[in-house]
C-alpha atoms as a PDB file:
ATOM      1  CA  UNK A   1      95.265 115.860  75.747  1.00  0.00           C
ATOM      2  CA  UNK A   2      98.265 115.984  73.491  1.00  0.00           C
ATOM      3  CA  UNK A   3     101.638 116.301  74.984  1.00  0.00           C
ATOM      4  CA  UNK A   4     102.212 119.616  73.345  1.00  0.00           C
ATOM      5  CA  UNK A   5      99.223 121.005  75.203  1.00  0.00           C
ATOM      6  CA  UNK A   6     100.420 119.404  78.512  1.00  0.00           C
ATOM      7  CA  UNK A   7     103.862 121.103  78.125  1.00  0.00           C
ATOM      8  CA  UNK A   8     102.308 124.386  77.341  1.00  0.00           C
ATOM      9  CA  UNK A   9     100.191 124.203  80.428  1.00  0.00           C
ATOM     10  CA  UNK A  10     103.256 123.203  82.518  1.00  0.00           C
ATOM     11  CA  UNK A  11     105.224 126.061  81.221  1.00  0.00           C
ATOM     12  CA  UNK A  12     102.287 128.474  81.753  1.00  0.00           C
ATOM     13  CA  UNK A  13     102.002 127.386  85.338  1.00  0.00           C
ATOM     14  CA  UNK A  14     105.597 126.882  86.468  1.00  0.00           C
ATOM     15  CA  UNK A  15     107.516 128.973  83.871  1.00  0.00           C
ATOM     16  CA  UNK A  16     109.534 127.617  81.006  1.00  0.00           C
ATOM     17  CA  UNK A  17     112.621 126.639  82.994  1.00  0.00           C
ATOM     18  CA  UNK A  18     111.034 125.338  86.146  1.00  0.00           C
ATOM     19  CA  UNK A  19     108.446 123.194  84.383  1.00  0.00           C
ATOM     20  CA  UNK A  20     111.187 120.758  83.113  1.00  0.00           C
ATOM     21  CA  UNK A  21     112.880 120.807  86.527  1.00  0.00           C
ATOM     22  CA  UNK A  22     109.666 119.957  88.279  1.00  0.00           C
ATOM     23  CA  UNK A  23     108.779 117.245  85.773  1.00  0.00           C
ATOM     24  CA  UNK A  24     112.268 115.709  86.194  1.00  0.00           C
ATOM     25  CA  UNK A  25     112.751 115.987  89.952  1.00  0.00           C
ATOM     26  CA  UNK A  26     109.480 116.187  91.873  1.00  0.00           C
ATOM     27  CA  UNK A  27     108.283 112.763  93.015  1.00  0.00           C
ATOM     28  CA  UNK A  28     104.561 112.797  93.338  1.00  0.00           C
ATOM     29  CA  UNK A  29     102.326 110.530  95.502  1.00  0.00           C
ATOM     30  CA  UNK A  30      99.535 111.203  92.981  1.00  0.00           C
ATOM     31  CA  UNK A  31     101.574 109.479  90.290  1.00  0.00           C
ATOM     32  CA  UNK A  32     102.353 106.513  92.324  1.00  0.00           C
ATOM     33  CA  UNK A  33     105.715 107.748  93.537  1.00  0.00           C
ATOM     34  CA  UNK A  34     106.738 108.774  90.160  1.00  0.00           C
ATOM     35  CA  UNK A  35     107.863 112.124  88.588  1.00  0.00           C
ATOM     36  CA  UNK A  36     106.058 113.577  85.823  1.00  0.00           C
ATOM     37  CA  UNK A  37     108.665 112.275  83.269  1.00  0.00           C
ATOM     38  CA  UNK A  38     108.524 108.832  84.666  1.00  0.00           C
ATOM     39  CA  UNK A  39     104.737 108.588  84.532  1.00  0.00           C
ATOM     40  CA  UNK A  40     104.668 109.943  80.941  1.00  0.00           C
ATOM     41  CA  UNK A  41     107.467 107.584  79.955  1.00  0.00           C
ATOM     42  CA  UNK A  42     105.712 104.526  81.538  1.00  0.00           C
ATOM     43  CA  UNK A  43     102.473 105.198  79.411  1.00  0.00           C
ATOM     44  CA  UNK A  44     100.395 107.525  81.680  1.00  0.00           C
ATOM     45  CA  UNK A  45      97.998 109.695  79.729  1.00  0.00           C
ATOM     46  CA  UNK A  46      99.014 113.292  79.676  1.00  0.00           C
ATOM     47  CA  UNK A  47      95.477 114.328  80.838  1.00  0.00           C
ATOM     48  CA  UNK A  48      95.912 112.077  83.993  1.00  0.00           C
ATOM     49  CA  UNK A  49      99.326 113.420  84.798  1.00  0.00           C
ATOM     50  CA  UNK A  50      98.018 116.988  84.368  1.00  0.00           C
ATOM     51  CA  UNK A  51      95.261 116.353  86.720  1.00  0.00           C
ATOM     52  CA  UNK A  52      97.669 114.851  89.296  1.00  0.00           C
ATOM     53  CA  UNK A  53      99.892 117.986  88.860  1.00  0.00           C
ATOM     54  CA  UNK A  54      96.704 120.243  89.342  1.00  0.00           C
ATOM     55  CA  UNK A  55      95.812 118.325  92.482  1.00  0.00           C
ATOM     56  CA  UNK A  56      99.317 118.357  93.970  1.00  0.00           C
ATOM     57  CA  UNK A  57     100.334 122.065  93.460  1.00  0.00           C
ATOM     58  CA  UNK A  58      96.738 123.691  93.466  1.00  0.00           C
ATOM     59  CA  UNK A  59      96.727 124.841  89.929  1.00  0.00           C
ATOM     60  CA  UNK A  60      93.917 127.462  89.685  1.00  0.00           C
ATOM     61  CA  UNK A  61      90.649 126.348  88.051  1.00  0.00           C
ATOM     62  CA  UNK A  62      90.957 128.542  85.250  1.00  0.00           C
ATOM     63  CA  UNK A  63      94.149 127.092  84.147  1.00  0.00           C
ATOM     64  CA  UNK A  64      93.027 123.436  84.451  1.00  0.00           C
END
């Protein structure tokens, strides 16, 4: 998954403004105690981060 697609999906689910806030501030157990931004910056694949987000916040199946 390209980062542009990842951020489009984040904005679609959370809204444009909250997506960035969530990515920056929400520490997720599914990401090893990292935020979305930290996981991406440390080399996690966007598809794996998206899967973790989907699991953590129950993104509907049609948006996964």
